Protein backbone atom coordinates (compact mmCIF):
# COMPACT_ATOMS: atom_id res chain seq x y z
CA MET A 1 -0.01 135.22 81.53
CA LYS A 2 -1.06 131.53 82.45
CA LEU A 3 0.99 129.11 85.36
CA GLU A 4 1.60 126.89 82.93
CA GLU A 5 3.33 129.05 80.42
CA VAL A 6 5.80 129.99 83.34
CA TYR A 7 5.91 126.49 84.42
CA ASP A 8 7.22 125.22 81.17
CA PHE A 9 9.67 128.03 80.70
CA LEU A 10 10.70 126.96 84.19
CA ASP A 11 11.17 123.53 82.67
CA LYS A 12 13.27 124.12 79.71
CA ILE A 13 16.33 126.30 81.69
CA SER A 14 16.17 124.02 84.57
CA PRO A 15 14.10 120.18 83.94
CA PHE A 16 12.30 119.85 86.62
CA GLU A 17 13.05 115.60 85.86
CA LEU A 18 16.29 116.45 87.15
CA GLN A 19 15.47 116.38 90.71
CA GLU A 20 16.42 114.03 93.67
CA LYS A 21 13.20 111.19 94.01
CA TRP A 22 13.30 112.58 97.38
CA ASP A 23 13.02 115.83 96.16
CA ASN A 24 9.64 118.08 96.06
CA SER A 25 10.10 120.08 92.75
CA GLY A 26 7.36 121.54 90.77
CA LEU A 27 4.11 122.93 91.30
CA ILE A 28 3.07 122.73 95.38
CA VAL A 29 0.06 125.33 95.15
CA GLY A 30 -2.29 126.49 92.37
CA GLU A 31 -3.60 125.29 89.30
CA MET A 32 -1.67 125.55 85.51
CA ASN A 33 -4.71 127.49 84.31
CA ARG A 34 -4.81 129.76 86.34
CA GLU A 35 -4.12 133.61 85.09
CA ILE A 36 -1.00 135.08 86.97
CA SER A 37 -0.49 138.99 87.85
CA GLN A 38 2.79 138.45 88.66
CA ILE A 39 6.27 136.13 89.82
CA VAL A 40 7.50 136.94 92.86
CA VAL A 41 10.96 134.88 93.11
CA SER A 42 12.76 134.13 96.76
CA LEU A 43 15.17 131.61 98.41
CA ASP A 44 12.10 130.60 100.53
CA ILE A 45 8.64 131.97 101.24
CA ASP A 46 7.38 133.55 104.52
CA SER A 47 3.80 134.87 105.50
CA ASP A 48 4.90 138.39 105.04
CA MET A 49 5.55 138.05 101.42
CA ILE A 50 2.37 136.19 101.22
CA GLU A 51 0.45 138.98 103.25
CA GLU A 52 2.53 141.80 101.02
CA ALA A 53 1.92 139.81 97.47
CA GLY A 54 -1.71 140.68 95.54
CA GLU A 55 -3.85 137.99 94.64
CA ASN A 56 -2.81 135.58 91.91
CA THR A 57 1.15 136.18 93.01
CA LEU A 58 3.00 133.36 91.41
CA PHE A 59 5.94 132.74 94.29
CA VAL A 60 8.69 130.51 93.08
CA VAL A 61 10.81 129.48 95.59
CA HIS A 62 14.13 127.35 96.10
CA HIS A 63 12.85 125.23 98.86
CA PRO A 64 10.25 123.52 98.67
CA LEU A 65 7.40 123.96 101.36
CA ILE A 66 5.74 120.58 101.23
CA PHE A 67 8.06 117.93 101.55
CA GLY A 68 6.65 114.37 101.91
CA SER A 69 2.94 113.52 102.62
CA LEU A 70 0.66 116.01 104.76
CA SER A 71 -1.44 114.03 106.66
CA GLN A 72 -3.39 117.06 107.86
CA LEU A 73 -3.75 120.41 107.62
CA ASP A 74 -3.64 122.06 111.18
CA PHE A 75 -3.67 125.68 109.75
CA SER A 76 -2.08 126.68 113.17
CA LYS A 77 1.01 125.30 112.40
CA TYR A 78 3.83 125.46 109.84
CA PRO A 79 3.35 124.86 106.62
CA SER A 80 -0.06 124.76 106.85
CA ASN A 81 -0.98 128.13 108.02
CA LEU A 82 0.94 129.42 104.88
CA LEU A 83 -0.68 127.07 102.34
CA GLU A 84 -3.63 128.71 103.89
CA LYS A 85 -2.99 132.00 102.98
CA MET A 86 -1.52 131.39 99.97
CA ILE A 87 -5.17 129.63 98.91
CA LEU A 88 -7.44 132.35 100.43
CA LYS A 89 -5.55 134.63 97.88
CA LYS A 90 -5.94 132.34 94.87
CA GLN A 91 -1.54 132.41 95.23
CA SER A 92 0.36 129.95 93.64
CA LEU A 93 3.51 128.25 94.32
CA VAL A 94 6.47 126.67 92.36
CA ALA A 95 9.57 124.99 93.46
CA LEU A 96 12.87 125.01 91.66
CA HIS A 97 15.24 123.00 94.26
CA THR A 98 17.56 120.06 93.22
CA ASN A 99 17.19 120.37 89.81
CA PHE A 100 18.03 124.12 89.87
CA ASP A 101 21.34 123.22 92.33
CA GLN A 102 22.35 121.42 89.05
CA THR A 103 21.97 123.65 86.36
CA HIS A 104 22.29 126.95 87.92
CA LEU A 105 23.54 127.36 91.31
CA ASN A 106 26.08 125.37 92.43
CA ARG A 107 28.16 126.60 89.27
CA TYR A 108 27.11 130.53 89.77
CA VAL A 109 28.23 130.43 93.02
CA PHE A 110 31.42 128.91 92.62
CA GLU A 111 32.04 130.67 89.99
CA LYS A 112 30.45 133.81 90.39
CA ILE A 113 30.91 134.39 93.79
CA LEU A 114 34.01 132.49 95.31
CA GLY A 115 35.73 133.49 91.83
CA PHE A 116 36.91 129.89 91.28
CA ASN A 117 37.69 128.44 88.17
CA ILE A 118 35.88 125.23 87.52
CA VAL A 119 38.15 122.19 86.45
CA SER A 120 35.33 119.37 86.97
CA GLN A 121 31.43 119.22 87.84
CA GLU A 122 29.64 116.74 88.95
CA PRO A 123 25.41 117.12 89.26
CA PHE A 124 26.26 118.48 92.70
CA ILE A 125 29.48 118.91 92.97
CA CYS A 126 32.05 121.68 91.18
CA ARG A 127 35.76 121.27 91.52
CA ALA A 128 38.86 123.92 90.93
CA GLU A 129 42.81 123.11 91.53
CA GLY A 130 45.25 125.51 91.83
CA LYS A 131 47.34 126.40 95.24
CA TRP A 132 45.48 128.67 98.21
CA HIS A 133 47.09 128.99 101.30
CA TYR A 134 45.02 127.72 104.53
CA HIS A 135 44.12 131.74 105.73
CA GLU A 136 44.03 133.00 102.15
CA LEU A 137 40.87 130.82 101.34
CA LEU A 138 39.17 131.05 104.68
CA SER A 139 39.06 135.32 104.03
CA ALA A 140 38.78 135.09 101.05
CA VAL A 141 35.45 132.41 100.91
CA LYS A 142 33.87 134.66 104.58
CA GLU A 143 34.62 137.75 102.91
CA LYS A 144 32.74 137.02 99.13
CA LEU A 145 30.14 134.85 101.25
CA GLY A 146 29.29 137.73 103.95
CA LEU A 147 30.76 135.82 107.10
CA SER A 148 30.72 136.60 110.29
CA THR A 149 32.75 133.17 110.82
CA LEU A 150 33.62 129.79 109.81
CA ARG A 151 33.77 126.42 111.25
CA VAL A 152 36.53 125.18 109.82
CA ILE A 153 37.56 120.77 110.06
CA GLY A 154 40.60 120.09 109.51
CA LYS A 155 43.76 122.12 108.79
CA LYS A 156 45.52 122.05 105.35
CA GLU A 157 48.42 124.86 105.28
CA ILE A 158 48.67 124.39 101.59
CA ILE A 159 45.52 123.57 99.49
CA HIS A 160 45.65 122.48 95.83
CA SER A 161 41.94 121.43 95.48
CA VAL A 162 38.54 122.81 96.39
CA ALA A 163 35.65 121.69 96.05
CA MET A 164 31.73 122.86 96.76
CA THR A 165 28.22 122.09 97.13
CA THR A 166 25.17 124.46 98.25
CA GLY A 167 23.25 123.93 100.80
CA ALA A 168 23.57 120.49 103.40
CA GLY A 169 25.90 118.77 101.19
CA ALA A 170 28.25 117.04 103.50
CA SER A 171 26.81 113.67 102.36
CA LEU A 172 28.53 113.77 99.20
CA MET A 173 32.05 114.22 101.16
CA ASN A 174 32.97 111.02 99.39
CA GLU A 175 32.60 112.55 96.53
CA ALA A 176 34.57 115.40 96.59
CA GLU A 177 37.66 114.62 95.64
CA ALA A 178 39.44 117.62 96.98
CA ASP A 179 41.85 118.71 99.92
CA CYS A 180 38.73 121.19 100.89
CA PHE A 181 34.82 120.94 100.45
CA LEU A 182 32.71 123.49 101.31
CA THR A 183 29.20 123.30 102.31
CA GLY A 184 26.53 123.76 104.73
CA ASP A 185 24.62 122.24 107.66
CA ILE A 186 27.93 119.80 108.47
CA LYS A 187 26.57 117.45 111.08
CA TYR A 188 29.32 116.74 114.48
CA HIS A 189 29.43 112.89 113.13
CA ASP A 190 30.16 113.97 109.70
CA ALA A 191 33.28 116.38 110.67
CA MET A 192 34.19 113.27 112.56
CA LYS A 193 34.64 111.47 109.42
CA ALA A 194 36.32 114.40 107.19
CA MET A 195 38.93 114.32 110.31
CA SER A 196 39.42 110.73 110.36
CA GLU A 197 39.63 110.87 106.45
CA ASP A 198 41.89 113.64 106.63
CA LEU A 199 39.25 116.17 104.61
CA MET A 200 39.43 119.60 104.96
CA MET A 201 35.79 120.95 105.64
CA VAL A 202 34.09 124.59 106.07
CA ASP A 203 30.95 124.90 107.08
CA ILE A 204 29.26 128.36 104.59
CA GLY A 205 25.89 128.38 105.89
CA HIS A 206 23.20 126.73 104.11
CA TYR A 207 21.33 129.67 103.86
CA GLU A 208 24.12 132.09 103.19
CA SER A 209 25.53 129.36 100.02
CA GLU A 210 22.19 130.02 98.48
CA ARG A 211 20.84 133.27 98.85
CA PHE A 212 21.93 134.09 95.29
CA PHE A 213 18.60 131.41 93.69
CA ALA A 214 16.64 134.80 93.57
CA GLU A 215 18.98 136.73 91.53
CA ILE A 216 20.03 133.99 89.22
CA LEU A 217 16.45 133.00 88.53
CA LEU A 218 15.00 136.84 88.14
CA ASP A 219 17.81 137.31 85.72
CA GLU A 220 16.11 134.37 83.85
CA LEU A 221 12.81 135.29 83.70
CA LYS A 222 13.34 138.76 82.14
CA VAL A 223 12.56 137.71 78.75
CA LEU A 224 8.57 136.96 79.98
CA PRO A 225 6.52 139.53 79.32
CA ILE A 226 5.12 139.51 83.00
CA LEU A 227 6.65 141.44 85.95
CA ALA A 228 8.71 139.48 88.18
CA ILE A 229 10.22 140.90 91.38
CA MET A 230 12.78 139.61 94.08
CA ALA A 231 11.46 139.22 97.73
CA ASN A 232 14.15 139.36 100.39
CA SER A 233 13.69 135.54 102.34
CA LYS A 234 14.73 136.09 105.72
CA ASN A 235 17.94 133.86 107.57
CA PRO A 236 16.20 131.88 110.30
CA PHE A 237 19.31 131.93 112.74
CA HIS A 238 20.53 135.21 113.78
CA MET A 239 24.32 135.50 115.70
CA GLU A 240 23.73 136.66 118.70
CA ILE A 241 26.80 137.58 120.84
CA LEU A 242 26.35 138.26 124.85
């Protein structure tokens, strides 16, 4: 199967034209006319995946390996070190990032993983309405995302609306329009702003909220006449208790 055929399929289920202007979804490494032997899907790509995969493998990942322009290829540094290994093995790479957030990932995590009923959805924000007690909501989020701790800004004993953006969505807090906003990578100054505006925010982790990408995409790829497998991407952070 040619890479172009897979690319066209991905474009149908999650159009690349939906990506944000700053994004770099689409073909990262490879050529459209190349024959591919298998597809490996993962949140990110790392050295172990490249080494374990055979020649002519196509990796389909969520996070683009290249953001912006590369001024040099120093093969001792990231991401050039990974690019060199893929090129030598004739491997290819396609990213589905902000386009896939809009078409699949946000809704899947909000509904299937967290169990909310969506009442409204914008490109990057899902919302639900109901009545949750503070500890009830936080306990459910921790359990369903497999989190040991949560960073929380503000406290509302009764919560009537919840919004969520997977990944790093703190910049969207003004558009959340909910009592509680769930997202990852909340910075200190974002937290200060949320506190001053009486918005409860919960940091659910970047990796933790997006790690479902591969299983969602793998299900879509089942209709293609080519082997597609899922690789377990690694969270770059780990908890250290001393």
